[in-house]
């Protein structure tokens, strides 16, 4: 996927226009390089199974805590 930096708002937020339609708003601090308006980017998303698993385990643990609290009443 390709995108172009349409604008940078307050030096904090990059607004990217995606080729084919759409827009992404990303904090400038997420980038490891200096940005400027009109800069073209190759955009790639990859699944993060480790983070997903960690998040699901956290949710399951919270659900178990809530169920155990409601069973004590």
Protein backbone atom coordinates (compact mmCIF):
# COMPACT_ATOMS: atom_id res chain seq x y z
CA UNK A 1 0.00 0.00 0.00
CA UNK A 2 1.23 3.50 -0.74
CA UNK A 3 0.37 6.75 1.00
CA UNK A 4 1.46 10.37 0.85
CA UNK A 5 1.76 12.73 3.78
CA UNK A 6 -0.98 15.26 3.09
CA UNK A 7 -0.17 17.45 6.07
CA UNK A 8 1.40 17.55 9.49
CA UNK A 9 -0.79 19.17 12.12
CA UNK A 10 0.85 21.09 14.98
CA UNK A 11 4.07 19.17 14.37
CA UNK A 12 2.44 16.27 16.20
CA UNK A 13 0.13 14.42 13.83
CA UNK A 14 0.72 13.20 10.29
CA UNK A 15 -2.32 12.90 8.05
CA UNK A 16 -1.68 10.38 5.27
CA UNK A 17 -3.79 9.96 2.16
CA UNK A 18 -3.85 6.33 1.05
CA UNK A 19 -3.65 5.54 -2.66
CA UNK A 20 -6.95 3.91 -3.60
CA UNK A 21 -8.87 5.77 -0.92
CA UNK A 22 -8.76 6.40 2.76
CA UNK A 23 -6.85 8.39 5.29
CA UNK A 24 -4.64 7.54 8.24
CA UNK A 25 -3.83 9.80 11.15
CA UNK A 26 -0.62 8.81 12.92
CA UNK A 27 1.38 10.56 15.65
CA UNK A 28 4.66 11.89 14.24
CA UNK A 29 6.56 10.29 17.14
CA UNK A 30 5.70 6.85 15.70
CA UNK A 31 8.08 7.43 12.81
CA UNK A 32 11.82 6.81 13.12
CA UNK A 33 12.65 9.39 10.44
CA UNK A 34 11.88 13.04 9.76
CA UNK A 35 8.62 13.63 7.90
CA UNK A 36 7.57 16.33 5.48
CA UNK A 37 4.42 17.12 3.54
CA UNK A 38 4.35 15.46 0.14
CA UNK A 39 6.55 12.55 1.29
CA UNK A 40 5.50 9.20 -0.18
CA UNK A 41 5.50 6.12 2.04
CA UNK A 42 5.18 2.40 1.52
CA UNK A 43 2.77 1.16 4.18
CA UNK A 44 2.75 -2.43 5.37
CA UNK A 45 0.81 -4.08 8.18
CA UNK A 46 1.89 -7.34 9.77
CA UNK A 47 0.09 -9.42 12.38
CA UNK A 48 1.62 -9.41 15.84
CA UNK A 49 0.61 -12.77 17.32
CA UNK A 50 2.63 -12.24 20.51
CA UNK A 51 0.87 -8.95 21.34
CA UNK A 52 -2.51 -10.44 20.41
CA UNK A 53 -1.99 -13.42 22.66
CA UNK A 54 -0.85 -11.21 25.54
CA UNK A 55 -3.92 -9.01 25.13
CA UNK A 56 -6.32 -11.97 24.98
CA UNK A 57 -4.76 -13.50 28.10
CA UNK A 58 -5.15 -10.19 29.94
CA UNK A 59 -8.84 -9.98 28.95
CA UNK A 60 -9.48 -13.58 30.01
CA UNK A 61 -7.85 -12.92 33.37
CA UNK A 62 -9.99 -9.83 33.91
CA UNK A 63 -13.13 -11.76 32.93
CA UNK A 64 -12.26 -14.49 35.45
CA UNK A 65 -11.73 -11.87 38.17
CA UNK A 66 -15.10 -10.29 37.43
CA UNK A 67 -16.87 -13.67 37.41
CA UNK A 68 -15.30 -14.66 40.70
CA UNK A 69 -16.41 -11.35 42.26
CA UNK A 70 -19.99 -11.80 41.08
CA UNK A 71 -20.07 -15.40 42.36
CA UNK A 72 -19.06 -14.25 45.85
CA UNK A 73 -22.16 -12.05 46.21
